[in-house]
Structure formats: structure tokens, C-alpha cells
Amino acid sequence: MSGAVTGLAGSLFAMYVGALSPDGSFTLLKSIELITGLFLGGAATLFGPVVGALAVVYLPYFTSDLASGHVSGVLFGAILIAIVFLMPQGIAGVLGRLAGRVVPRRSRDRRRPPGGPAPR
């Protein structure tokens, strides 16, 4: 399953870039960008890498609207560092925790079947 998803992602990336070459398409900066997306979204969640990828793709556009030139890169880096330190479980982990507060889970104590043994 992961191979199929990786193949689909590679083909979409090839269509986005236009042509693939080992020296131009897969640079160290691209690898760092992909790993950053994984950690931003949350590596321990299923939905986290998608959220991280969206953050890595759209955050530079957002910061370039706020500032120009090198200041945009510094602002992008500062936002990434703040997210990593303030949300160690990633954006999806924080969203999941907030959703858990809104929709509380039933505890095991409340699942006692009716007519069960009476407490002593």
C-alpha cells in the first residue's frame, strides 16, 4: 500500500515539475522540506503528513505576502521552529487533541452492562 501511495506521489511530483533528474529534482533542500512537512504535521498520525505537506507548501506563500526577500525566509524559519517547539506532536496531533476535548470519549467505567454484578 505504501509503495502505491509513494508511486502516485512521485508521478504527481513529476507532472508538477515537468521533468525529473537526480541532480535537479531531488536536492538536499527538497529532502529537508519533505522531512519538515512530516514533523510539522505529526509523524505518529495518519493525517499528519498531509497537514505538514500543506503547511510546507503554503507557508512560504503566506510569509512572502507578509514580508519580502530574505525576511520572508527568516519568518518562514521562525514559524517552523515555533511550531516544532510549541507543538511537539505536530499540527495534526494538536488538532486531534482539541477534537478529543470537543467530543469526549466514553470511559470504560461507564460501559458496565446493565444488570451486572453489584459493587460490594
PDB file of N, CA and C in Angstrom:
ATOM      1  N   MET A   1       0.825  -1.188   0.000  1.00  0.00           N
ATOM      2  CA  MET A   1       0.000   0.000   0.000  1.00  0.00           C
ATOM      3  C   MET A   1       0.874   1.258   0.000  1.00  0.00           C
ATOM      4  N   SER A   2       1.912   1.257   0.832  1.00  0.00           N
ATOM      5  CA  SER A   2       2.758   2.454   0.888  1.00  0.00           C
ATOM      6  C   SER A   2       3.508   2.658  -0.421  1.00  0.00           C
ATOM      7  N   GLY A   3       3.861   1.551  -1.088  1.00  0.00           N
ATOM      8  CA  GLY A   3       4.530   1.679  -2.389  1.00  0.00           C
ATOM      9  C   GLY A   3       3.625   2.303  -3.431  1.00  0.00           C
ATOM     10  N   ALA A   4       2.338   1.955  -3.397  1.00  0.00           N
ATOM     11  CA  ALA A   4       1.381   2.532  -4.343  1.00  0.00           C
ATOM     12  C   ALA A   4       1.202   4.026  -4.096  1.00  0.00           C
ATOM     13  N   VAL A   5       1.114   4.410  -2.823  1.00  0.00           N
ATOM     14  CA  VAL A   5       0.964   5.824  -2.494  1.00  0.00           C
ATOM     15  C   VAL A   5       2.226   6.596  -2.871  1.00  0.00           C
ATOM     16  N   THR A   6       3.385   5.991  -2.628  1.00  0.00           N
ATOM     17  CA  THR A   6       4.644   6.645  -2.992  1.00  0.00           C
ATOM     18  C   THR A   6       4.763   6.793  -4.503  1.00  0.00           C
ATOM     19  N   GLY A   7       4.363   5.776  -5.254  1.00  0.00           N
ATOM     20  CA  GLY A   7       4.381   5.865  -6.709  1.00  0.00           C
ATOM     21  C   GLY A   7       3.447   6.940  -7.236  1.00  0.00           C
ATOM     22  N   LEU A   8       2.270   7.035  -6.629  1.00  0.00           N
ATOM     23  CA  LEU A   8       1.328   8.079  -7.021  1.00  0.00           C
ATOM     24  C   LEU A   8       1.902   9.461  -6.721  1.00  0.00           C
ATOM     25  N   ALA A   9       2.515   9.603  -5.546  1.00  0.00           N
ATOM     26  CA  ALA A   9       3.119  10.888  -5.185  1.00  0.00           C
ATOM     27  C   ALA A   9       4.259  11.241  -6.133  1.00  0.00           C
ATOM     28  N   GLY A  10       5.067  10.252  -6.506  1.00  0.00           N
ATOM     29  CA  GLY A  10       6.160  10.508  -7.447  1.00  0.00           C
ATOM     30  C   GLY A  10       5.664  10.915  -8.816  1.00  0.00           C
ATOM     31  N   SER A  11       4.599  10.286  -9.282  1.00  0.00           N
ATOM     32  CA  SER A  11       4.072  10.657 -10.595  1.00  0.00           C
ATOM     33  C   SER A  11       3.452  12.049 -10.568  1.00  0.00           C
ATOM     34  N   LEU A  12       2.773  12.392  -9.481  1.00  0.00           N
ATOM     35  CA  LEU A  12       2.222  13.744  -9.364  1.00  0.00           C
ATOM     36  C   LEU A  12       3.335  14.783  -9.276  1.00  0.00           C
ATOM     37  N   PHE A  13       4.409  14.443  -8.562  1.00  0.00           N
ATOM     38  CA  PHE A  13       5.547  15.363  -8.476  1.00  0.00           C
ATOM     39  C   PHE A  13       6.194  15.547  -9.839  1.00  0.00           C
ATOM     40  N   ALA A  14       6.299  14.469 -10.615  1.00  0.00           N
ATOM     41  CA  ALA A  14       6.884  14.562 -11.960  1.00  0.00           C
ATOM     42  C   ALA A  14       6.023  15.445 -12.856  1.00  0.00           C
ATOM     43  N   MET A  15       4.713  15.326 -12.726  1.00  0.00           N
ATOM     44  CA  MET A  15       3.831  16.184 -13.524  1.00  0.00           C
ATOM     45  C   MET A  15       3.956  17.638 -13.087  1.00  0.00           C
ATOM     46  N   TYR A  16       4.120  17.871 -11.795  1.00  0.00           N
ATOM     47  CA  TYR A  16       4.244  19.225 -11.268  1.00  0.00           C
ATOM     48  C   TYR A  16       5.540  19.879 -11.730  1.00  0.00           C
ATOM     49  N   VAL A  17       6.641  19.126 -11.654  1.00  0.00           N
ATOM     50  CA  VAL A  17       7.946  19.672 -12.020  1.00  0.00           C
ATOM     51  C   VAL A  17       8.110  19.731 -13.533  1.00  0.00           C
ATOM     52  N   GLY A  18       7.589  18.740 -14.234  1.00  0.00           N
ATOM     53  CA  GLY A  18       7.706  18.714 -15.691  1.00  0.00           C
ATOM     54  C   GLY A  18       8.683  17.666 -16.170  1.00  0.00           C
ATOM     55  N   ALA A  19       9.782  17.518 -15.489  1.00  0.00           N
ATOM     56  CA  ALA A  19      10.796  16.514 -15.833  1.00  0.00           C
ATOM     57  C   ALA A  19      11.579  16.192 -14.575  1.00  0.00           C
ATOM     58  N   LEU A  20      12.005  14.953 -14.445  1.00  0.00           N
ATOM     59  CA  LEU A  20      12.763  14.542 -13.274  1.00  0.00           C
ATOM     60  C   LEU A  20      14.203  14.236 -13.652  1.00  0.00           C
ATOM     61  N   SER A  21      15.103  14.693 -12.823  1.00  0.00           N
ATOM     62  CA  SER A  21      16.509  14.343 -12.969  1.00  0.00           C
ATOM     63  C   SER A  21      17.097  14.244 -11.567  1.00  0.00           C
ATOM     64  N   PRO A  22      18.031  13.320 -11.353  1.00  0.00           N
ATOM     65  CA  PRO A  22      18.566  13.124  -9.997  1.00  0.00           C
ATOM     66  C   PRO A  22      19.252  14.360  -9.432  1.00  0.00           C
ATOM     67  N   ASP A  23      19.892  15.137 -10.270  1.00  0.00           N
ATOM     68  CA  ASP A  23      20.627  16.283  -9.746  1.00  0.00           C
ATOM     69  C   ASP A  23      19.760  17.528  -9.587  1.00  0.00           C
ATOM     70  N   GLY A  24      18.654  17.631 -10.302  1.00  0.00           N
ATOM     71  CA  GLY A  24      17.846  18.841 -10.225  1.00  0.00           C
ATOM     72  C   GLY A  24      16.576  18.700  -9.420  1.00  0.00           C
ATOM     73  N   SER A  25      15.957  17.548  -9.451  1.00  0.00           N
ATOM     74  CA  SER A  25      14.658  17.379  -8.797  1.00  0.00           C
ATOM     75  C   SER A  25      14.767  16.963  -7.346  1.00  0.00           C
ATOM     76  N   PHE A  26      15.797  16.212  -6.994  1.00  0.00           N
ATOM     77  CA  PHE A  26      15.904  15.664  -5.647  1.00  0.00           C
ATOM     78  C   PHE A  26      17.145  16.215  -4.960  1.00  0.00           C
ATOM     79  N   THR A  27      17.064  17.460  -4.559  1.00  0.00           N
ATOM     80  CA  THR A  27      18.185  18.115  -3.904  1.00  0.00           C
ATOM     81  C   THR A  27      18.086  17.928  -2.389  1.00  0.00           C
ATOM     82  N   LEU A  28      19.112  18.330  -1.686  1.00  0.00           N
ATOM     83  CA  LEU A  28      19.114  18.276  -0.232  1.00  0.00           C
ATOM     84  C   LEU A  28      18.015  19.163   0.335  1.00  0.00           C
ATOM     85  N   LEU A  29      17.800  20.306  -0.279  1.00  0.00           N
ATOM     86  CA  LEU A  29      16.754  21.218   0.189  1.00  0.00           C
ATOM     87  C   LEU A  29      15.369  20.587   0.055  1.00  0.00           C
ATOM     88  N   LYS A  30      15.125  19.843  -1.015  1.00  0.00           N
ATOM     89  CA  LYS A  30      13.838  19.166  -1.192  1.00  0.00           C
ATOM     90  C   LYS A  30      13.656  18.080  -0.132  1.00  0.00           C
ATOM     91  N   SER A  31      14.718  17.352   0.187  1.00  0.00           N
ATOM     92  CA  SER A  31      14.638  16.323   1.230  1.00  0.00           C
ATOM     93  C   SER A  31      14.332  16.937   2.589  1.00  0.00           C
ATOM     94  N   ILE A  32      14.986  18.045   2.899  1.00  0.00           N
ATOM     95  CA  ILE A  32      14.733  18.732   4.163  1.00  0.00           C
ATOM     96  C   ILE A  32      13.296  19.246   4.206  1.00  0.00           C
ATOM     97  N   GLU A  33      12.805  19.738   3.089  1.00  0.00           N
ATOM     98  CA  GLU A  33      11.429  20.230   3.019  1.00  0.00           C
ATOM     99  C   GLU A  33      10.426  19.104   3.282  1.00  0.00           C
ATOM    100  N   LEU A  34      10.670  17.926   2.719  1.00  0.00           N
ATOM    101  CA  LEU A  34       9.758  16.797   2.925  1.00  0.00           C
ATOM    102  C   LEU A  34       9.789  16.296   4.362  1.00  0.00           C
ATOM    103  N   ILE A  35      10.972  16.217   4.965  1.00  0.00           N
ATOM    104  CA  ILE A  35      11.078  15.786   6.357  1.00  0.00           C
ATOM    105  C   ILE A  35      10.443  16.816   7.289  1.00  0.00           C
ATOM    106  N   THR A  36      10.607  18.102   6.968  1.00  0.00           N
ATOM    107  CA  THR A  36       9.989  19.159   7.762  1.00  0.00           C
ATOM    108  C   THR A  36       8.475  19.032   7.735  1.00  0.00           C
ATOM    109  N   GLY A  37       7.916  18.724   6.572  1.00  0.00           N
ATOM    110  CA  GLY A  37       6.472  18.523   6.477  1.00  0.00           C
ATOM    111  C   GLY A  37       5.998  17.373   7.324  1.00  0.00           C
ATOM    112  N   LEU A  38       6.779  16.313   7.377  1.00  0.00           N
ATOM    113  CA  LEU A  38       6.427  15.153   8.196  1.00  0.00           C
ATOM    114  C   LEU A  38       6.396  15.521   9.669  1.00  0.00           C
ATOM    115  N   PHE A  39       7.415  16.224  10.149  1.00  0.00           N
ATOM    116  CA  PHE A  39       7.464  16.577  11.560  1.00  0.00           C
ATOM    117  C   PHE A  39       6.452  17.655  11.924  1.00  0.00           C
ATOM    118  N   LEU A  40       6.181  18.575  10.999  1.00  0.00           N
ATOM    119  CA  LEU A  40       5.191  19.608  11.287  1.00  0.00           C
ATOM    120  C   LEU A  40       3.805  19.016  11.462  1.00  0.00           C
ATOM    121  N   GLY A  41       3.451  18.105  10.576  1.00  0.00           N
ATOM    122  CA  GLY A  41       2.125  17.516  10.647  1.00  0.00           C
ATOM    123  C   GLY A  41       1.981  16.556  11.799  1.00  0.00           C
ATOM    124  N   GLY A  42       3.000  15.828  12.090  1.00  0.00           N
ATOM    125  CA  GLY A  42       2.940  14.824  13.156  1.00  0.00           C
ATOM    126  C   GLY A  42       3.260  13.468  12.566  1.00  0.00           C
ATOM    127  N   ALA A  43       4.390  12.924  12.926  1.00  0.00           N
ATOM    128  CA  ALA A  43       4.847  11.665  12.341  1.00  0.00           C
ATOM    129  C   ALA A  43       4.064  10.468  12.853  1.00  0.00           C
ATOM    130  N   ALA A  44       3.416  10.578  14.000  1.00  0.00           N
ATOM    131  CA  ALA A  44       2.726   9.436  14.602  1.00  0.00           C
ATOM    132  C   ALA A  44       1.253   9.371  14.224  1.00  0.00           C
ATOM    133  N   THR A  45       0.807  10.231  13.324  1.00  0.00           N
ATOM    134  CA  THR A  45      -0.594  10.236  12.931  1.00  0.00           C
ATOM    135  C   THR A  45      -0.732   9.889  11.465  1.00  0.00           C
ATOM    136  N   LEU A  46      -1.910   9.464  11.078  1.00  0.00           N
ATOM    137  CA  LEU A  46      -2.167   9.130   9.681  1.00  0.00           C
ATOM    138  C   LEU A  46      -2.399  10.387   8.858  1.00  0.00           C
ATOM    139  N   PHE A  47      -3.059  11.345   9.442  1.00  0.00           N
ATOM    140  CA  PHE A  47      -3.412  12.574   8.733  1.00  0.00           C
ATOM    141  C   PHE A  47      -2.306  13.625   8.821  1.00  0.00           C
ATOM    142  N   GLY A  48      -1.333  13.418   9.701  1.00  0.00           N
ATOM    143  CA  GLY A  48      -0.283  14.407   9.955  1.00  0.00           C
ATOM    144  C   GLY A  48       0.580  14.775   8.770  1.00  0.00           C
ATOM    145  N   PRO A  49       1.105  13.810   7.998  1.00  0.00           N
ATOM    146  CA  PRO A  49       1.931  14.191   6.851  1.00  0.00           C
ATOM    147  C   PRO A  49       1.197  15.023   5.805  1.00  0.00           C
ATOM    148  N   VAL A  50      -0.110  14.815   5.670  1.00  0.00           N
ATOM    149  CA  VAL A  50      -0.891  15.630   4.731  1.00  0.00           C
ATOM    150  C   VAL A  50      -0.963  17.069   5.233  1.00  0.00           C
ATOM    151  N   VAL A  51      -1.227  17.233   6.523  1.00  0.00           N
ATOM    152  CA  VAL A  51      -1.276  18.565   7.116  1.00  0.00           C
ATOM    153  C   VAL A  51       0.095  19.233   7.032  1.00  0.00           C
ATOM    154  N   GLY A  52       1.155  18.469   7.299  1.00  0.00           N
ATOM    155  CA  GLY A  52       2.512  19.019   7.209  1.00  0.00           C
ATOM    156  C   GLY A  52       2.883  19.425   5.799  1.00  0.00           C
ATOM    157  N   ALA A  53       2.472  18.622   4.819  1.00  0.00           N
ATOM    158  CA  ALA A  53       2.757  18.967   3.424  1.00  0.00           C
ATOM    159  C   ALA A  53       2.047  20.255   3.032  1.00  0.00           C
ATOM    160  N   LEU A  54       0.804  20.403   3.450  1.00  0.00           N
ATOM    161  CA  LEU A  54       0.082  21.641   3.161  1.00  0.00           C
ATOM    162  C   LEU A  54       0.751  22.829   3.832  1.00  0.00           C
ATOM    163  N   ALA A  55       1.229  22.639   5.063  1.00  0.00           N
ATOM    164  CA  ALA A  55       1.913  23.727   5.762  1.00  0.00           C
ATOM    165  C   ALA A  55       3.212  24.108   5.067  1.00  0.00           C
ATOM    166  N   VAL A  56       3.984  23.115   4.626  1.00  0.00           N
ATOM    167  CA  VAL A  56       5.262  23.409   3.979  1.00  0.00           C
ATOM    168  C   VAL A  56       5.060  24.054   2.608  1.00  0.00           C
ATOM    169  N   VAL A  57       3.993  23.676   1.924  1.00  0.00           N
ATOM    170  CA  VAL A  57       3.746  24.249   0.596  1.00  0.00           C
ATOM    171  C   VAL A  57       3.193  25.668   0.699  1.00  0.00           C
ATOM    172  N   TYR A  58       2.223  25.890   1.598  1.00  0.00           N
ATOM    173  CA  TYR A  58       1.544  27.186   1.635  1.00  0.00           C
ATOM    174  C   TYR A  58       2.153  28.200   2.587  1.00  0.00           C
ATOM    175  N   LEU A  59       2.937  27.771   3.552  1.00  0.00           N
ATOM    176  CA  LEU A  59       3.553  28.716   4.481  1.00  0.00           C
ATOM    177  C   LEU A  59       4.528  29.681   3.793  1.00  0.00           C
ATOM    178  N   PRO A  60       5.339  29.252   2.822  1.00  0.00           N
ATOM    179  CA  PRO A  60       6.196  30.232   2.136  1.00  0.00           C
ATOM    180  C   PRO A  60       5.408  31.300   1.373  1.00  0.00           C
ATOM    181  N   TYR A  61       4.260  30.936   0.798  1.00  0.00           N
ATOM    182  CA  TYR A  61       3.437  31.934   0.111  1.00  0.00           C
ATOM    183  C   TYR A  61       2.861  32.930   1.104  1.00  0.00           C
ATOM    184  N   PHE A  62       2.455  32.434   2.265  1.00  0.00           N
ATOM    185  CA  PHE A  62       1.929  33.308   3.306  1.00  0.00           C
ATOM    186  C   PHE A  62       3.004  34.263   3.810  1.00  0.00           C
ATOM    187  N   THR A  63       4.208  33.757   4.062  1.00  0.00           N
ATOM    188  CA  THR A  63       5.266  34.621   4.579  1.00  0.00           C
ATOM    189  C   THR A  63       5.762  35.594   3.519  1.00  0.00           C
ATOM    190  N   SER A  64       5.703  35.210   2.238  1.00  0.00           N
ATOM    191  CA  SER A  64       6.136  36.149   1.197  1.00  0.00           C
ATOM    192  C   SER A  64       5.141  37.289   1.045  1.00  0.00           C
ATOM    193  N   ASP A  65       3.871  37.073   1.419  1.00  0.00           N
ATOM    194  CA  ASP A  65       2.899  38.163   1.416  1.00  0.00           C
ATOM    195  C   ASP A  65       3.140  39.128   2.568  1.00  0.00           C
ATOM    196  N   LEU A  66       3.636  38.596   3.699  1.00  0.00           N
ATOM    197  CA  LEU A  66       3.888  39.444   4.863  1.00  0.00           C
ATOM    198  C   LEU A  66       5.179  40.234   4.743  1.00  0.00           C
ATOM    199  N   ALA A  67       6.195  39.638   4.146  1.00  0.00           N
ATOM    200  CA  ALA A  67       7.497  40.293   4.028  1.00  0.00           C
ATOM    201  C   ALA A  67       8.119  39.892   2.690  1.00  0.00           C
ATOM    202  N   SER A  68       9.162  40.586   2.300  1.00  0.00           N
ATOM    203  CA  SER A  68       9.788  40.289   1.010  1.00  0.00           C
ATOM    204  C   SER A  68      11.268  39.973   1.205  1.00  0.00           C
ATOM    205  N   GLY A  69      11.828  39.288   0.227  1.00  0.00           N
ATOM    206  CA  GLY A  69      13.257  38.997   0.220  1.00  0.00           C
ATOM    207  C   GLY A  69      13.667  38.007   1.289  1.00  0.00           C
ATOM    208  N   HIS A  70      14.822  38.281   1.916  1.00  0.00           N
ATOM    209  CA  HIS A  70      15.369  37.385   2.937  1.00  0.00           C
ATOM    210  C   HIS A  70      14.533  37.371   4.208  1.00  0.00           C
ATOM    211  N   VAL A  71      13.803  38.442   4.454  1.00  0.00           N
ATOM    212  CA  VAL A  71      12.965  38.500   5.647  1.00  0.00           C
ATOM    213  C   VAL A  71      11.889  37.411   5.573  1.00  0.00           C
ATOM    214  N   SER A  72      11.408  37.123   4.373  1.00  0.00           N
ATOM    215  CA  SER A  72      10.410  36.071   4.190  1.00  0.00           C
ATOM    216  C   SER A  72      10.965  34.711   4.602  1.00  0.00           C
ATOM    217  N   GLY A  73      12.204  34.414   4.223  1.00  0.00           N
ATOM    218  CA  GLY A  73      12.833  33.154   4.614  1.00  0.00           C
ATOM    219  C   GLY A  73      13.061  33.055   6.101  1.00  0.00           C
ATOM    220  N   VAL A  74      13.461  34.157   6.726  1.00  0.00           N
ATOM    221  CA  VAL A  74      13.671  34.179   8.176  1.00  0.00           C
ATOM    222  C   VAL A  74      12.336  33.996   8.897  1.00  0.00           C
ATOM    223  N   LEU A  75      11.282  34.639   8.408  1.00  0.00           N
ATOM    224  CA  LEU A  75       9.964  34.496   9.008  1.00  0.00           C
ATOM    225  C   LEU A  75       9.446  33.068   8.859  1.00  0.00           C
ATOM    226  N   PHE A  76       9.666  32.466   7.698  1.00  0.00           N
ATOM    227  CA  PHE A  76       9.279  31.075   7.458  1.00  0.00           C
ATOM    228  C   PHE A  76       9.999  30.153   8.437  1.00  0.00           C
ATOM    229  N   GLY A  77      11.295  30.342   8.604  1.00  0.00           N
ATOM    230  CA  GLY A  77      12.070  29.535   9.545  1.00  0.00           C
ATOM    231  C   GLY A  77      11.620  29.732  10.981  1.00  0.00           C
ATOM    232  N   ALA A  78      11.317  30.946  11.357  1.00  0.00           N
ATOM    233  CA  ALA A  78      10.870  31.224  12.724  1.00  0.00           C
ATOM    234  C   ALA A  78       9.524  30.567  13.009  1.00  0.00           C
ATOM    235  N   ILE A  79       8.619  30.591  12.034  1.00  0.00           N
ATOM    236  CA  ILE A  79       7.322  29.939  12.212  1.00  0.00           C
ATOM    237  C   ILE A  79       7.503  28.434  12.331  1.00  0.00           C
ATOM    238  N   LEU A  80       8.370  27.849  11.516  1.00  0.00           N
ATOM    239  CA  LEU A  80       8.619  26.409  11.590  1.00  0.00           C
ATOM    240  C   LEU A  80       9.199  26.010  12.946  1.00  0.00           C
ATOM    241  N   ILE A  81      10.164  26.775  13.426  1.00  0.00           N
ATOM    242  CA  ILE A  81      10.781  26.475  14.723  1.00  0.00           C
ATOM    243  C   ILE A  81       9.761  26.628  15.847  1.00  0.00           C
ATOM    244  N   ALA A  82       8.919  27.654  15.767  1.00  0.00           N
ATOM    245  CA  ALA A  82       7.896  27.844  16.798  1.00  0.00           C
ATOM    246  C   ALA A  82       6.909  26.682  16.816  1.00  0.00           C
ATOM    247  N   ILE A  83       6.504  26.214  15.641  1.00  0.00           N
ATOM    248  CA  ILE A  83       5.567  25.092  15.583  1.00  0.00           C
ATOM    249  C   ILE A  83       6.209  23.837  16.156  1.00  0.00           C
ATOM    250  N   VAL A  84       7.462  23.582  15.830  1.00  0.00           N
ATOM    251  CA  VAL A  84       8.130  22.374  16.322  1.00  0.00           C
ATOM    252  C   VAL A  84       8.282  22.417  17.849  1.00  0.00           C
ATOM    253  N   PHE A  85       8.618  23.574  18.416  1.00  0.00           N
ATOM    254  CA  PHE A  85       8.804  23.655  19.861  1.00  0.00           C
ATOM    255  C   PHE A  85       7.485  23.734  20.625  1.00  0.00           C
ATOM    256  N   LEU A  86       6.495  24.424  20.061  1.00  0.00           N
ATOM    257  CA  LEU A  86       5.233  24.583  20.775  1.00  0.00           C
ATOM    258  C   LEU A  86       4.281  23.407  20.577  1.00  0.00           C
ATOM    259  N   MET A  87       4.444  22.666  19.476  1.00  0.00           N
ATOM    260  CA  MET A  87       3.573  21.526  19.184  1.00  0.00           C
ATOM    261  C   MET A  87       4.426  20.311  18.851  1.00  0.00           C
ATOM    262  N   PRO A  88       5.036  19.657  19.849  1.00  0.00           N
ATOM    263  CA  PRO A  88       5.931  18.534  19.552  1.00  0.00           C
ATOM    264  C   PRO A  88       5.237  17.351  18.881  1.00  0.00           C
ATOM    265  N   GLN A  89       3.921  17.200  19.068  1.00  0.00           N
ATOM    266  CA  GLN A  89       3.219  16.105  18.405  1.00  0.00           C
ATOM    267  C   GLN A  89       2.702  16.498  17.036  1.00  0.00           C
ATOM    268  N   GLY A  90       3.018  17.686  16.577  1.00  0.00           N
ATOM    269  CA  GLY A  90       2.638  18.134  15.250  1.00  0.00           C
ATOM    270  C   GLY A  90       1.283  18.811  15.235  1.00  0.00           C
ATOM    271  N   ILE A  91       0.963  19.396  14.093  1.00  0.00           N
ATOM    272  CA  ILE A  91      -0.302  20.115  13.951  1.00  0.00           C
ATOM    273  C   ILE A  91      -1.476  19.152  14.052  1.00  0.00           C
ATOM    274  N   ALA A  92      -1.380  17.997  13.396  1.00  0.00           N
ATOM    275  CA  ALA A  92      -2.483  17.029  13.439  1.00  0.00           C
ATOM    276  C   ALA A  92      -2.671  16.461  14.836  1.00  0.00           C
ATOM    277  N   GLY A  93      -1.601  16.291  15.596  1.00  0.00           N
ATOM    278  CA  GLY A  93      -1.723  15.814  16.965  1.00  0.00           C
ATOM    279  C   GLY A  93      -2.460  16.808  17.849  1.00  0.00           C
ATOM    280  N   VAL A  94      -2.170  18.089  17.658  1.00  0.00           N
ATOM    281  CA  VAL A  94      -2.858  19.129  18.430  1.00  0.00           C
ATOM    282  C   VAL A  94      -4.325  19.194  18.015  1.00  0.00           C
ATOM    283  N   LEU A  95      -4.590  19.110  16.708  1.00  0.00           N
ATOM    284  CA  LEU A  95      -5.981  19.129  16.242  1.00  0.00           C
ATOM    285  C   LEU A  95      -6.753  17.924  16.769  1.00  0.00           C
ATOM    286  N   GLY A  96      -6.116  16.763  16.812  1.00  0.00           N
ATOM    287  CA  GLY A  96      -6.763  15.574  17.365  1.00  0.00           C
ATOM    288  C   GLY A  96      -7.054  15.713  18.844  1.00  0.00           C
ATOM    289  N   ARG A  97      -6.129  16.321  19.568  1.00  0.00           N
ATOM    290  CA  ARG A  97      -6.343  16.531  20.997  1.00  0.00           C
ATOM    291  C   ARG A  97      -7.476  17.526  21.244  1.00  0.00           C
ATOM    292  N   LEU A  98      -7.555  18.575  20.414  1.00  0.00           N
ATOM    293  CA  LEU A  98      -8.653  19.531  20.542  1.00  0.00           C
ATOM    294  C   LEU A  98      -9.986  18.886  20.190  1.00  0.00           C
ATOM    295  N   ALA A  99      -9.990  18.037  19.182  1.00  0.00           N
ATOM    296  CA  ALA A  99     -11.220  17.327  18.818  1.00  0.00           C
ATOM    297  C   ALA A  99     -11.640  16.385  19.937  1.00  0.00           C
ATOM    298  N   GLY A 100     -10.690  15.800  20.636  1.00  0.00           N
ATOM    299  CA  GLY A 100     -10.999  14.937  21.768  1.00  0.00           C
ATOM    300  C   GLY A 100     -11.633  15.694  22.920  1.00  0.00           C
ATOM    301  N   ARG A 101     -11.299  16.967  23.052  1.00  0.00           N
ATOM    302  CA  ARG A 101     -11.931  17.783  24.099  1.00  0.00           C
ATOM    303  C   ARG A 101     -13.355  18.158  23.718  1.00  0.00           C
ATOM    304  N   VAL A 102     -13.571  18.395  22.440  1.00  0.00           N
ATOM    305  CA  VAL A 102     -14.907  18.780  21.979  1.00  0.00           C
ATOM    306  C   VAL A 102     -15.848  17.585  22.009  1.00  0.00           C
ATOM    307  N   VAL A 103     -15.367  16.432  21.540  1.00  0.00           N
ATOM    308  CA  VAL A 103     -16.164  15.213  21.525  1.00  0.00           C
ATOM    309  C   VAL A 103     -15.506  14.236  22.502  1.00  0.00           C
ATOM    310  N   PRO A 104     -15.922  14.256  23.765  1.00  0.00           N
ATOM    311  CA  PRO A 104     -15.259  13.391  24.749  1.00  0.00           C
ATOM    312  C   PRO A 104     -15.548  11.920  24.479  1.00  0.00           C
ATOM    313  N   ARG A 105     -14.560  11.091  24.757  1.00  0.00           N
ATOM    314  CA  ARG A 105     -14.709   9.650  24.600  1.00  0.00           C
ATOM    315  C   ARG A 105     -15.349   9.075  25.850  1.00  0.00           C
ATOM    316  N   ARG A 106     -16.068   7.982  25.654  1.00  0.00           N
ATOM    317  CA  ARG A 106     -16.689   7.307  26.788  1.00  0.00           C
ATOM    318  C   ARG A 106     -15.615   6.546  27.549  1.00  0.00           C
ATOM    319  N   SER A 107     -15.675   6.630  28.858  1.00  0.00           N
ATOM    320  CA  SER A 107     -14.685   5.909  29.659  1.00  0.00           C
ATOM    321  C   SER A 107     -15.124   4.466  29.837  1.00  0.00           C
ATOM    322  N   ARG A 108     -14.220   3.623  30.244  1.00  0.00           N
ATOM    323  CA  ARG A 108     -14.519   2.201  30.429  1.00  0.00           C
ATOM    324  C   ARG A 108     -15.480   1.981  31.598  1.00  0.00           C
ATOM    325  N   ASP A 109     -15.472   2.861  32.587  1.00  0.00           N
ATOM    326  CA  ASP A 109     -16.343   2.687  33.745  1.00  0.00           C
ATOM    327  C   ASP A 109     -17.813   2.829  33.374  1.00  0.00           C
ATOM    328  N   ARG A 110     -18.098   3.646  32.397  1.00  0.00           N
ATOM    329  CA  ARG A 110     -19.484   3.861  32.003  1.00  0.00           C
ATOM    330  C   ARG A 110     -20.012   2.745  31.112  1.00  0.00           C
ATOM    331  N   ARG A 111     -19.174   1.833  30.670  1.00  0.00           N
ATOM    332  CA  ARG A 111     -19.608   0.764  29.775  1.00  0.00           C
ATOM    333  C   ARG A 111     -20.035  -0.499  30.526  1.00  0.00           C
ATOM    334  N   ARG A 112     -20.286  -0.419  31.800  1.00  0.00           N
ATOM    335  CA  ARG A 112     -20.707  -1.561  32.583  1.00  0.00           C
ATOM    336  C   ARG A 112     -22.089  -2.001  32.087  1.00  0.00           C
ATOM    337  N   PRO A 113     -22.275  -3.276  31.769  1.00  0.00           N
ATOM    338  CA  PRO A 113     -23.574  -3.713  31.253  1.00  0.00           C
ATOM    339  C   PRO A 113     -24.659  -3.609  32.320  1.00  0.00           C
ATOM    340  N   PRO A 114     -25.874  -3.307  31.881  1.00  0.00           N
ATOM    341  CA  PRO A 114     -26.964  -3.203  32.863  1.00  0.00           C
ATOM    342  C   PRO A 114     -27.229  -4.562  33.488  1.00  0.00           C
ATOM    343  N   GLY A 115     -27.546  -4.581  34.740  1.00  0.00           N
ATOM    344  CA  GLY A 115     -27.795  -5.833  35.443  1.00  0.00           C
ATOM    345  C   GLY A 115     -26.531  -6.571  35.799  1.00  0.00           C
ATOM    346  N   GLY A 116     -25.382  -5.926  35.714  1.00  0.00           N
ATOM    347  CA  GLY A 116     -24.111  -6.547  36.041  1.00  0.00           C
ATOM    348  C   GLY A 116     -23.968  -6.731  37.539  1.00  0.00           C
ATOM    349  N   PRO A 117     -22.864  -7.275  37.974  1.00  0.00           N
ATOM    350  CA  PRO A 117     -22.689  -7.516  39.409  1.00  0.00           C
ATOM    351  C   PRO A 117     -22.684  -6.209  40.190  1.00  0.00           C
ATOM    352  N   ALA A 118     -23.363  -6.235  41.301  1.00  0.00           N
ATOM    353  CA  ALA A 118     -23.438  -5.058  42.163  1.00  0.00           C
ATOM    354  C   ALA A 118     -22.135  -4.888  42.912  1.00  0.00           C
ATOM    355  N   PRO A 119     -21.711  -3.659  43.110  1.00  0.00           N
ATOM    356  CA  PRO A 119     -20.482  -3.434  43.874  1.00  0.00           C
ATOM    357  C   PRO A 119     -20.674  -3.836  45.331  1.00  0.00           C
ATOM    358  N   ARG A 120     -19.647  -4.354  45.954  1.00  0.00           N
ATOM    359  CA  ARG A 120     -19.702  -4.824  47.354  1.00  0.00           C
ATOM    360  C   ARG A 120     -19.430  -3.731  48.321  1.00  0.00           C
TER     361      ARG A 120
END
